[in-house]
Amino acid sequence: MNKIIILLPISKKKITLAGLFSDIENTDFQSNLLSAFNGENPDINLFNRGLAGLCLRCYISEAIVQECKRIDYLYSGEKRFNYRYLLHFVLNDDGQNLIFLDKDSET
């Protein structure tokens, strides 16, 4: 099966998702973003799907930073790295491109 990968550059203009999810509760926001990103709602266009994915990537980045700090703390005795060194490997996304998944959930 052919896989399609689409990367769209994001302009430097301010982009918001206002109105896209205006009728949902805050508690459901991440699940609605995931649903939009996965293309489960046919009313959401491809660009907004990518923006939903970007929001999710931003949302998890803080948890990734905290986990890298925890690893740094756990192995503080005999290591030659710090958490910033680990971030280079796990947070290498500058957010300049929108990423989409195909129907098999692969990029």
N, C-alpha and C. Protein backbone atom coordinates (compact mmCIF):
# COMPACT_ATOMS: atom_id res chain seq x y z
N MET A 1 0.84 -1.18 0.00
CA MET A 1 0.00 0.00 0.00
C MET A 1 0.88 1.24 0.00
N ASN A 2 0.59 2.20 -0.86
CA ASN A 2 1.34 3.44 -0.92
C ASN A 2 1.01 4.31 0.27
N LYS A 3 2.03 4.93 0.80
CA LYS A 3 1.85 5.83 1.92
C LYS A 3 2.07 7.25 1.43
N ILE A 4 1.30 8.17 1.94
CA ILE A 4 1.42 9.56 1.56
C ILE A 4 1.89 10.36 2.77
N ILE A 5 2.96 11.08 2.59
CA ILE A 5 3.47 11.96 3.63
C ILE A 5 3.38 13.38 3.11
N ILE A 6 2.74 14.24 3.85
CA ILE A 6 2.60 15.62 3.44
C ILE A 6 3.19 16.50 4.52
N LEU A 7 4.14 17.33 4.14
CA LEU A 7 4.71 18.31 5.06
C LEU A 7 4.40 19.68 4.50
N LEU A 8 3.72 20.50 5.26
CA LEU A 8 3.41 21.85 4.82
C LEU A 8 4.15 22.84 5.69
N PRO A 9 4.87 23.78 5.09
CA PRO A 9 5.51 24.81 5.92
C PRO A 9 4.46 25.73 6.51
N ILE A 10 4.70 26.18 7.71
CA ILE A 10 3.77 27.08 8.39
C ILE A 10 4.27 28.49 8.21
N SER A 11 3.38 29.38 7.87
CA SER A 11 3.78 30.78 7.71
C SER A 11 4.04 31.40 9.07
N LYS A 12 4.68 32.53 9.08
CA LYS A 12 4.99 33.21 10.34
C LYS A 12 3.81 34.01 10.87
N LYS A 13 2.68 33.99 10.15
CA LYS A 13 1.49 34.68 10.63
C LYS A 13 0.89 33.92 11.81
N LYS A 14 0.17 34.64 12.63
CA LYS A 14 -0.50 34.03 13.78
C LYS A 14 -1.62 33.12 13.26
N ILE A 15 -1.63 31.89 13.73
CA ILE A 15 -2.64 30.91 13.34
C ILE A 15 -3.36 30.46 14.60
N THR A 16 -4.68 30.45 14.56
CA THR A 16 -5.43 29.99 15.72
C THR A 16 -6.42 28.92 15.30
N LEU A 17 -6.87 28.18 16.26
CA LEU A 17 -7.90 27.17 16.03
C LEU A 17 -9.25 27.65 16.54
N ALA A 18 -9.39 28.95 16.75
CA ALA A 18 -10.65 29.49 17.26
C ALA A 18 -11.78 29.13 16.32
N GLY A 19 -12.84 28.67 16.88
CA GLY A 19 -14.00 28.30 16.09
C GLY A 19 -13.98 26.85 15.64
N LEU A 20 -12.81 26.27 15.52
CA LEU A 20 -12.71 24.88 15.07
C LEU A 20 -13.30 23.94 16.12
N PHE A 21 -13.06 24.24 17.39
CA PHE A 21 -13.55 23.41 18.48
C PHE A 21 -14.35 24.26 19.46
N SER A 22 -15.14 25.16 18.98
CA SER A 22 -15.83 26.10 19.86
C SER A 22 -16.89 25.47 20.75
N ASP A 23 -17.37 24.29 20.40
CA ASP A 23 -18.47 23.70 21.14
C ASP A 23 -18.05 22.57 22.07
N ILE A 24 -16.78 22.47 22.42
CA ILE A 24 -16.35 21.37 23.27
C ILE A 24 -15.91 21.87 24.63
N GLU A 25 -15.92 20.98 25.58
CA GLU A 25 -15.46 21.28 26.93
C GLU A 25 -13.94 21.19 26.98
N ASN A 26 -13.33 21.92 27.90
CA ASN A 26 -11.87 21.89 28.05
C ASN A 26 -11.35 20.49 28.37
N THR A 27 -12.11 19.71 29.10
CA THR A 27 -11.66 18.37 29.49
C THR A 27 -11.54 17.45 28.29
N ASP A 28 -12.27 17.75 27.24
CA ASP A 28 -12.23 16.91 26.05
C ASP A 28 -11.32 17.46 24.97
N PHE A 29 -10.59 18.52 25.27
CA PHE A 29 -9.85 19.22 24.23
C PHE A 29 -8.79 18.33 23.58
N GLN A 30 -7.98 17.62 24.38
CA GLN A 30 -6.94 16.77 23.78
C GLN A 30 -7.54 15.64 22.96
N SER A 31 -8.62 15.04 23.45
CA SER A 31 -9.23 13.95 22.67
C SER A 31 -9.85 14.48 21.38
N ASN A 32 -10.36 15.69 21.41
CA ASN A 32 -10.90 16.28 20.18
C ASN A 32 -9.78 16.66 19.21
N LEU A 33 -8.66 17.14 19.74
CA LEU A 33 -7.51 17.40 18.87
C LEU A 33 -7.02 16.11 18.22
N LEU A 34 -6.96 15.05 18.98
CA LEU A 34 -6.51 13.77 18.44
C LEU A 34 -7.49 13.27 17.37
N SER A 35 -8.76 13.41 17.64
CA SER A 35 -9.78 13.01 16.67
C SER A 35 -9.65 13.82 15.38
N ALA A 36 -9.42 15.11 15.52
CA ALA A 36 -9.25 15.98 14.34
C ALA A 36 -7.98 15.60 13.58
N PHE A 37 -6.90 15.36 14.32
CA PHE A 37 -5.63 15.01 13.70
C PHE A 37 -5.74 13.69 12.93
N ASN A 38 -6.48 12.74 13.48
CA ASN A 38 -6.65 11.45 12.82
C ASN A 38 -7.64 11.48 11.66
N GLY A 39 -8.28 12.63 11.43
CA GLY A 39 -9.20 12.76 10.30
C GLY A 39 -10.54 12.11 10.52
N GLU A 40 -10.95 11.98 11.77
CA GLU A 40 -12.22 11.33 12.08
C GLU A 40 -13.42 12.23 11.79
N ASN A 41 -13.19 13.52 11.67
CA ASN A 41 -14.27 14.46 11.37
C ASN A 41 -14.08 14.96 9.93
N PRO A 42 -14.98 14.61 9.02
CA PRO A 42 -14.82 15.02 7.62
C PRO A 42 -14.97 16.52 7.40
N ASP A 43 -15.50 17.26 8.38
CA ASP A 43 -15.66 18.71 8.24
C ASP A 43 -14.36 19.47 8.49
N ILE A 44 -13.35 18.81 9.01
CA ILE A 44 -12.08 19.47 9.31
C ILE A 44 -11.13 19.25 8.14
N ASN A 45 -10.65 20.36 7.56
CA ASN A 45 -9.79 20.26 6.38
C ASN A 45 -8.38 19.81 6.75
N LEU A 46 -7.59 19.53 5.73
CA LEU A 46 -6.26 18.98 5.92
C LEU A 46 -5.35 19.92 6.71
N PHE A 47 -5.42 21.21 6.42
CA PHE A 47 -4.59 22.18 7.12
C PHE A 47 -4.91 22.19 8.61
N ASN A 48 -6.19 22.21 8.97
CA ASN A 48 -6.58 22.20 10.38
C ASN A 48 -6.24 20.88 11.06
N ARG A 49 -6.24 19.78 10.30
CA ARG A 49 -5.78 18.50 10.86
C ARG A 49 -4.32 18.63 11.27
N GLY A 50 -3.52 19.26 10.42
CA GLY A 50 -2.12 19.46 10.73
C GLY A 50 -1.92 20.36 11.93
N LEU A 51 -2.74 21.41 12.04
CA LEU A 51 -2.66 22.29 13.20
C LEU A 51 -3.03 21.56 14.48
N ALA A 52 -4.01 20.68 14.40
CA ALA A 52 -4.38 19.88 15.58
C ALA A 52 -3.20 19.01 16.00
N GLY A 53 -2.51 18.43 15.04
CA GLY A 53 -1.32 17.63 15.34
C GLY A 53 -0.22 18.47 15.97
N LEU A 54 -0.05 19.69 15.47
CA LEU A 54 0.96 20.59 16.04
C LEU A 54 0.62 20.93 17.49
N CYS A 55 -0.65 21.15 17.78
CA CYS A 55 -1.08 21.42 19.16
C CYS A 55 -0.76 20.23 20.07
N LEU A 56 -0.99 19.02 19.57
CA LEU A 56 -0.70 17.84 20.37
C LEU A 56 0.80 17.68 20.59
N ARG A 57 1.60 17.98 19.59
CA ARG A 57 3.05 17.91 19.74
C ARG A 57 3.53 18.90 20.79
N CYS A 58 2.95 20.09 20.80
CA CYS A 58 3.30 21.09 21.83
C CYS A 58 2.86 20.62 23.21
N TYR A 59 1.68 20.02 23.28
CA TYR A 59 1.12 19.58 24.55
C TYR A 59 2.02 18.54 25.23
N ILE A 60 2.58 17.62 24.47
CA ILE A 60 3.38 16.56 25.09
C ILE A 60 4.83 16.98 25.31
N SER A 61 5.26 18.08 24.72
CA SER A 61 6.66 18.46 24.84
C SER A 61 7.07 18.74 26.28
N GLU A 62 6.22 19.33 27.09
CA GLU A 62 6.56 19.61 28.49
C GLU A 62 6.77 18.30 29.26
N ALA A 63 5.94 17.30 29.00
CA ALA A 63 6.12 16.00 29.66
C ALA A 63 7.44 15.36 29.24
N ILE A 64 7.83 15.55 28.00
CA ILE A 64 9.11 15.00 27.53
C ILE A 64 10.28 15.69 28.23
N VAL A 65 10.20 17.00 28.37
CA VAL A 65 11.25 17.75 29.08
C VAL A 65 11.36 17.25 30.52
N GLN A 66 10.24 17.08 31.19
CA GLN A 66 10.25 16.62 32.58
C GLN A 66 10.84 15.22 32.70
N GLU A 67 10.54 14.35 31.76
CA GLU A 67 11.09 12.99 31.79
C GLU A 67 12.60 13.01 31.55
N CYS A 68 13.07 13.86 30.66
CA CYS A 68 14.52 13.99 30.45
C CYS A 68 15.21 14.50 31.70
N LYS A 69 14.57 15.42 32.41
CA LYS A 69 15.13 15.91 33.67
C LYS A 69 15.17 14.80 34.71
N ARG A 70 14.14 13.94 34.72
CA ARG A 70 14.11 12.82 35.65
C ARG A 70 15.23 11.84 35.35
N ILE A 71 15.45 11.55 34.09
CA ILE A 71 16.54 10.65 33.70
C ILE A 71 17.88 11.25 34.10
N ASP A 72 18.03 12.55 33.89
CA ASP A 72 19.25 13.26 34.30
C ASP A 72 19.48 13.08 35.79
N TYR A 73 18.44 13.24 36.59
CA TYR A 73 18.53 13.10 38.03
C TYR A 73 18.87 11.66 38.44
N LEU A 74 18.20 10.68 37.81
CA LEU A 74 18.41 9.28 38.17
C LEU A 74 19.83 8.81 37.90
N TYR A 75 20.41 9.31 36.83
CA TYR A 75 21.75 8.86 36.44
C TYR A 75 22.79 9.95 36.67
N SER A 76 22.62 10.73 37.72
CA SER A 76 23.48 11.89 37.94
C SER A 76 24.90 11.52 38.37
N GLY A 77 25.12 10.32 38.82
CA GLY A 77 26.43 9.96 39.33
C GLY A 77 27.48 9.66 38.28
N GLU A 78 27.21 8.74 37.40
CA GLU A 78 28.22 8.24 36.47
C GLU A 78 27.89 8.52 35.01
N LYS A 79 27.44 9.69 34.72
CA LYS A 79 27.05 9.97 33.34
C LYS A 79 27.85 11.12 32.77
N ARG A 80 27.83 11.19 31.45
CA ARG A 80 28.52 12.27 30.77
C ARG A 80 27.53 13.08 29.95
N PHE A 81 26.34 13.20 30.44
CA PHE A 81 25.31 13.96 29.75
C PHE A 81 24.43 14.66 30.75
N ASN A 82 23.64 15.62 30.28
CA ASN A 82 22.62 16.24 31.10
C ASN A 82 21.30 16.20 30.33
N TYR A 83 20.26 16.70 30.90
CA TYR A 83 18.95 16.59 30.26
C TYR A 83 18.91 17.36 28.95
N ARG A 84 19.65 18.43 28.84
CA ARG A 84 19.65 19.20 27.58
C ARG A 84 20.25 18.39 26.44
N TYR A 85 21.21 17.56 26.75
CA TYR A 85 21.79 16.67 25.75
C TYR A 85 20.74 15.68 25.26
N LEU A 86 19.93 15.15 26.17
CA LEU A 86 18.87 14.21 25.78
C LEU A 86 17.80 14.88 24.94
N LEU A 87 17.49 16.13 25.24
CA LEU A 87 16.45 16.85 24.49
C LEU A 87 16.77 16.92 23.00
N HIS A 88 18.03 16.97 22.67
CA HIS A 88 18.45 17.02 21.28
C HIS A 88 17.91 15.82 20.49
N PHE A 89 17.77 14.68 21.15
CA PHE A 89 17.32 13.46 20.49
C PHE A 89 15.81 13.31 20.47
N VAL A 90 15.13 13.86 21.46
CA VAL A 90 13.69 13.60 21.57
C VAL A 90 12.80 14.79 21.24
N LEU A 91 13.34 16.00 21.29
CA LEU A 91 12.57 17.19 20.92
C LEU A 91 13.27 17.91 19.76
N ASN A 92 13.35 17.23 18.64
CA ASN A 92 14.03 17.79 17.49
C ASN A 92 13.05 18.34 16.45
N ASP A 93 11.86 18.67 16.87
CA ASP A 93 10.81 19.18 16.00
C ASP A 93 10.70 20.68 16.21
N ASP A 94 10.97 21.45 15.16
CA ASP A 94 10.90 22.91 15.30
C ASP A 94 9.49 23.45 15.08
N GLY A 95 8.54 22.59 14.73
CA GLY A 95 7.15 23.02 14.54
C GLY A 95 6.92 23.80 13.27
N GLN A 96 7.88 23.82 12.36
CA GLN A 96 7.73 24.58 11.14
C GLN A 96 6.96 23.84 10.05
N ASN A 97 6.78 22.54 10.21
CA ASN A 97 6.05 21.74 9.23
C ASN A 97 4.87 21.04 9.89
N LEU A 98 3.78 20.98 9.16
CA LEU A 98 2.63 20.21 9.62
C LEU A 98 2.82 18.78 9.17
N ILE A 99 2.52 17.84 10.05
CA ILE A 99 2.71 16.42 9.76
C ILE A 99 1.34 15.76 9.75
N PHE A 100 1.16 14.85 8.79
CA PHE A 100 -0.10 14.14 8.65
C PHE A 100 0.17 12.65 8.68
N LEU A 101 -0.82 11.91 9.15
CA LEU A 101 -0.73 10.45 9.15
C LEU A 101 -1.58 9.90 8.03
N ASP A 102 -1.13 8.77 7.45
CA ASP A 102 -1.96 8.10 6.47
C ASP A 102 -2.97 7.23 7.20
N LYS A 103 -3.72 6.44 6.48
CA LYS A 103 -4.77 5.63 7.11
C LYS A 103 -4.23 4.54 8.02
N ASP A 104 -2.93 4.19 7.87
CA ASP A 104 -2.31 3.20 8.74
C ASP A 104 -1.65 3.83 9.95
N SER A 105 -1.90 5.13 10.18
CA SER A 105 -1.32 5.90 11.29
C SER A 105 0.19 5.95 11.22
N GLU A 106 0.74 6.04 10.03
CA GLU A 106 2.17 6.18 9.84
C GLU A 106 2.43 7.49 9.11
N THR A 107 3.57 8.14 9.44
CA THR A 107 3.91 9.39 8.77
C THR A 107 4.46 9.15 7.39
